[in-house]
Amino acid sequence: MNKLILYIAGMFLFVGCANGQASGGGDAMAPLPKVKAGEAVATFGGGCFWSMSEAMSELKGVNKVVSGYAGGNTKNPTYEEVSSRATNHAETVQIYYNPKVISYATIADAFFFAHDPTTLNRQGPDEGTDYRSIAFYRTPEEKNTLLATIKKVNESKHYNNPIVTQVVPFTVFYAAENYHQGYYKTHLDQPYIESVSTPKVMKFRKAMAADLKPEFKPHPTLP
């Protein structure tokens, strides 16, 4: 993602999203899956979609997560266009899930644990409106669930500062390029993944342990 990470005693320049694409059509846009019978869809943006996509895919009842763009006004945007901040889109994930196994309320809880919803237009080293915290609702019930979850998390004092997540009606989601899909799992040794994404996923696993698929365990290089 063309990100530069500054950490305690050093500086790490790493290969990011825009430079990490695979050859052979990796920069083509991923297809959107068809919604299966009995399946529901939820859409959230919480900073870099590499870690957000991984976290949400680890929940029981989640069938598929697609990384993409939403919240802006440009049709079929590319990563380069979104990162220029001219489109107003945010990096976003679209979650396809079985509501008989996991509720929208649980997914909303997970979203607020999968990133820091208290930092405006920023997640860790990533700064800009494309990294803003944003939750999309499709029904009045989903809007009420989001607002109630925000109230609950604020009152719990889990975070030192209040949540600044935008809660907005869903309009359209555009899938990102193929190379962004499932990026976390195939790039565990990449410096950005190791330094930024993996700690977020580990915190998420601890917070949502009761709702994870059984196969997920902490990264082997972490305690």
Protein backbone atom coordinates (compact mmCIF):
# COMPACT_ATOMS: atom_id res chain seq x y z
CA MET A 1 0.00 0.00 0.00
CA ASN A 2 2.97 2.27 -0.45
CA LYS A 3 3.10 2.66 3.34
CA LEU A 4 6.09 3.78 5.34
CA ILE A 5 6.17 2.44 8.90
CA LEU A 6 8.04 4.22 11.64
CA TYR A 7 8.55 2.04 14.67
CA ILE A 8 10.23 2.67 18.04
CA ALA A 9 13.87 2.24 17.08
CA GLY A 10 13.77 1.98 13.36
CA MET A 11 12.18 2.59 10.05
CA PHE A 12 10.91 -0.14 7.73
CA LEU A 13 10.25 0.44 4.05
CA PHE A 14 8.17 -2.42 2.74
CA VAL A 15 6.38 -3.73 -0.29
CA GLY A 16 2.78 -2.69 0.04
CA CYS A 17 -0.51 -3.33 -1.70
CA ALA A 18 0.22 -1.44 -4.89
CA ASN A 19 3.56 -3.21 -5.38
CA GLY A 20 2.56 -6.62 -4.04
CA GLN A 21 0.39 -7.75 -6.92
CA ALA A 22 0.91 -11.11 -8.52
CA SER A 23 1.67 -11.45 -12.19
CA GLY A 24 -0.87 -12.82 -14.63
CA GLY A 25 -3.89 -10.62 -14.10
CA GLY A 26 -3.32 -9.79 -10.46
CA ASP A 27 -4.34 -6.20 -11.08
CA ALA A 28 -7.73 -7.15 -12.54
CA MET A 29 -10.76 -6.48 -10.37
CA ALA A 30 -12.05 -9.45 -8.42
CA PRO A 31 -15.56 -10.67 -9.22
CA LEU A 32 -18.32 -10.16 -6.70
CA PRO A 33 -19.80 -13.48 -5.58
CA LYS A 34 -23.50 -14.11 -6.00
CA VAL A 35 -25.42 -14.07 -2.75
CA LYS A 36 -26.50 -17.62 -1.98
CA ALA A 37 -29.94 -18.59 -0.78
CA GLY A 38 -30.23 -17.87 2.92
CA GLU A 39 -27.05 -15.80 2.93
CA ALA A 40 -26.79 -12.22 4.24
CA VAL A 41 -24.30 -9.48 3.43
CA ALA A 42 -22.64 -6.81 5.59
CA THR A 43 -20.19 -4.06 4.62
CA PHE A 44 -17.62 -2.30 6.82
CA GLY A 45 -14.50 -0.19 6.45
CA GLY A 46 -11.85 -0.13 9.15
CA GLY A 47 -8.49 0.84 7.74
CA CYS A 48 -6.32 -1.41 5.59
CA PHE A 49 -8.55 -4.17 4.27
CA TRP A 50 -5.79 -6.78 4.51
CA SER A 51 -6.22 -7.31 8.26
CA MET A 52 -9.93 -6.49 8.33
CA SER A 53 -10.64 -9.10 5.67
CA GLU A 54 -8.65 -11.74 7.53
CA ALA A 55 -10.28 -10.98 10.87
CA MET A 56 -13.84 -11.10 9.62
CA SER A 57 -13.21 -14.28 7.61
CA GLU A 58 -12.22 -16.08 10.82
CA LEU A 59 -15.69 -15.76 12.34
CA LYS A 60 -17.95 -18.80 12.51
CA GLY A 61 -20.74 -18.45 9.98
CA VAL A 62 -18.80 -16.19 7.61
CA ASN A 63 -18.60 -17.83 4.19
CA LYS A 64 -16.55 -15.27 2.26
CA VAL A 65 -15.04 -11.81 2.65
CA VAL A 66 -14.22 -9.58 -0.32
CA SER A 67 -11.90 -6.57 -0.08
CA GLY A 68 -13.04 -3.50 -1.96
CA TYR A 69 -14.15 0.10 -1.92
CA ALA A 70 -17.30 1.87 -0.78
CA GLY A 71 -18.58 5.17 0.54
CA GLY A 72 -17.39 7.34 -2.34
CA ASN A 73 -18.69 8.69 -5.61
CA THR A 74 -16.45 7.18 -8.31
CA LYS A 75 -17.68 4.14 -10.23
CA ASN A 76 -15.38 1.13 -10.48
CA PRO A 77 -12.41 2.79 -8.75
CA THR A 78 -8.90 1.37 -8.80
CA TYR A 79 -6.64 1.14 -5.78
CA GLU A 80 -4.52 3.99 -7.10
CA GLU A 81 -7.60 6.20 -7.49
CA VAL A 82 -8.85 5.39 -3.99
CA SER A 83 -5.47 6.00 -2.40
CA SER A 84 -5.29 9.39 -4.14
CA ARG A 85 -8.32 10.33 -2.00
CA ALA A 86 -10.09 11.89 -4.97
CA THR A 87 -12.90 9.29 -4.94
CA ASN A 88 -13.95 9.57 -1.25
CA HIS A 89 -14.09 5.76 -1.12
CA ALA A 90 -12.77 3.90 1.90
CA GLU A 91 -10.99 0.57 1.93
CA THR A 92 -13.84 -1.76 2.79
CA VAL A 93 -14.74 -5.40 3.23
CA GLN A 94 -17.97 -7.08 2.20
CA ILE A 95 -18.94 -10.07 4.35
CA TYR A 96 -21.12 -12.94 3.13
CA TYR A 97 -22.46 -14.86 6.09
CA ASN A 98 -25.03 -17.34 7.34
CA PRO A 99 -27.42 -15.49 9.70
CA LYS A 100 -28.45 -18.84 11.20
CA VAL A 101 -24.89 -19.24 12.50
CA ILE A 102 -23.81 -15.68 13.23
CA SER A 103 -25.94 -12.59 13.79
CA TYR A 104 -25.44 -9.13 12.36
CA ALA A 105 -25.02 -7.92 15.94
CA THR A 106 -22.06 -10.27 16.47
CA ILE A 107 -20.49 -9.13 13.20
CA ALA A 108 -20.94 -5.53 14.34
CA ASP A 109 -19.22 -6.36 17.63
CA ALA A 110 -16.39 -7.98 15.70
CA PHE A 111 -15.98 -4.95 13.47
CA PHE A 112 -15.39 -2.66 16.43
CA PHE A 113 -12.75 -5.05 17.81
CA ALA A 114 -11.01 -5.56 14.45
CA HIS A 115 -9.70 -1.99 14.28
CA ASP A 116 -9.48 1.21 16.32
CA PRO A 117 -12.79 3.02 15.69
CA THR A 118 -11.72 6.06 17.73
CA THR A 119 -9.12 7.52 15.34
CA LEU A 120 -10.47 9.85 12.67
CA ASN A 121 -9.26 9.06 9.15
CA ARG A 122 -6.40 7.00 10.50
CA GLN A 123 -5.43 3.46 11.46
CA GLY A 124 -1.97 3.15 12.92
CA PRO A 125 0.56 4.28 10.29
CA ASP A 126 -2.16 4.61 7.62
CA GLU A 127 -3.62 8.09 7.38
CA GLY A 128 -6.32 9.50 5.11
CA THR A 129 -10.04 9.32 4.42
CA ASP A 130 -9.55 6.02 2.58
CA TYR A 131 -8.67 4.51 5.96
CA ARG A 132 -11.63 5.93 7.85
CA SER A 133 -13.87 3.86 10.07
CA ILE A 134 -17.23 3.44 8.37
CA ALA A 135 -20.17 1.07 8.84
CA PHE A 136 -22.88 0.62 6.23
CA TYR A 137 -26.43 -0.45 7.04
CA ARG A 138 -28.99 -1.94 4.68
CA THR A 139 -32.04 -1.82 6.95
CA PRO A 140 -33.29 0.32 9.85
CA GLU A 141 -32.66 -2.66 12.11
CA GLU A 142 -29.01 -2.77 11.11
CA LYS A 143 -28.67 0.96 11.73
CA ASN A 144 -30.16 0.54 15.21
CA THR A 145 -27.80 -2.37 15.89
CA LEU A 146 -24.77 -0.29 14.89
CA LEU A 147 -25.80 2.65 17.03
CA ALA A 148 -26.53 0.38 20.00
CA THR A 149 -23.15 -1.33 19.57
CA ILE A 150 -21.35 2.00 19.49
CA LYS A 151 -23.13 3.03 22.68
CA LYS A 152 -22.26 -0.27 24.34
CA VAL A 153 -18.58 -0.13 23.38
CA ASN A 154 -18.28 3.52 24.43
CA GLU A 155 -19.84 2.75 27.81
CA SER A 156 -17.55 -0.25 28.30
CA LYS A 157 -14.49 2.05 28.16
CA HIS A 158 -12.75 -0.56 26.00
CA TYR A 159 -11.19 2.40 24.21
CA ASN A 160 -9.90 5.53 25.91
CA ASN A 161 -11.60 7.79 23.38
CA PRO A 162 -15.12 7.80 21.90
CA ILE A 163 -15.92 5.99 18.65
CA VAL A 164 -15.89 8.19 15.53
CA THR A 165 -17.17 5.58 13.06
CA GLN A 166 -19.43 6.90 10.30
CA VAL A 167 -22.77 5.07 10.17
CA VAL A 168 -24.25 5.48 6.70
CA PRO A 169 -26.74 3.74 4.39
CA PHE A 170 -25.26 1.24 1.96
CA THR A 171 -25.31 2.20 -1.70
CA VAL A 172 -22.71 0.25 -3.68
CA PHE A 173 -19.58 -1.83 -3.11
CA TYR A 174 -16.81 -2.32 -5.66
CA ALA A 175 -14.50 -5.32 -5.35
CA ALA A 176 -10.81 -4.47 -5.23
CA GLU A 177 -8.10 -5.94 -7.41
CA ASN A 178 -7.42 -9.68 -7.28
CA TYR A 179 -4.09 -9.22 -5.53
CA HIS A 180 -5.79 -7.69 -2.49
CA GLN A 181 -8.04 -10.71 -1.95
CA GLY A 182 -6.77 -12.98 0.83
CA TYR A 183 -3.54 -10.96 0.91
CA TYR A 184 -2.90 -11.52 4.62
CA LYS A 185 -2.65 -15.32 4.42
CA THR A 186 -0.19 -15.32 1.54
CA HIS A 187 2.09 -12.54 2.86
CA LEU A 188 2.62 -13.35 6.55
CA ASP A 189 6.32 -12.49 6.33
CA GLN A 190 5.83 -9.11 4.69
CA PRO A 191 7.02 -6.33 7.06
CA TYR A 192 3.71 -4.44 7.04
CA ILE A 193 1.75 -7.62 7.70
CA GLU A 194 4.10 -8.63 10.52
CA SER A 195 4.28 -5.19 12.14
CA VAL A 196 0.76 -3.85 11.65
CA SER A 197 -1.74 -6.45 10.41
CA THR A 198 -0.79 -9.46 12.52
CA PRO A 199 -0.96 -7.65 15.90
CA LYS A 200 -4.45 -6.43 14.94
CA VAL A 201 -5.55 -9.94 14.02
CA MET A 202 -4.12 -11.34 17.25
CA LYS A 203 -6.02 -8.76 19.33
CA PHE A 204 -9.15 -9.57 17.37
CA ARG A 205 -8.78 -13.29 18.02
CA LYS A 206 -8.48 -12.67 21.74
CA ALA A 207 -11.53 -10.39 21.83
CA MET A 208 -13.72 -12.66 19.66
CA ALA A 209 -12.39 -16.06 20.77
CA ALA A 210 -15.85 -17.52 21.41
CA ASP A 211 -17.00 -16.70 17.87
CA LEU A 212 -13.99 -17.88 15.85
CA LYS A 213 -13.79 -20.88 13.57
CA PRO A 214 -11.90 -23.59 15.52
CA GLU A 215 -8.89 -23.77 13.20
CA PHE A 216 -7.59 -20.29 13.95
CA LYS A 217 -4.68 -19.99 16.37
CA PRO A 218 -2.17 -17.18 17.09
CA HIS A 219 0.57 -16.47 14.56
CA PRO A 220 3.39 -18.97 15.31
CA THR A 221 5.97 -16.21 15.70
CA LEU A 222 3.95 -14.44 18.38
CA PRO A 223 3.35 -15.47 22.00
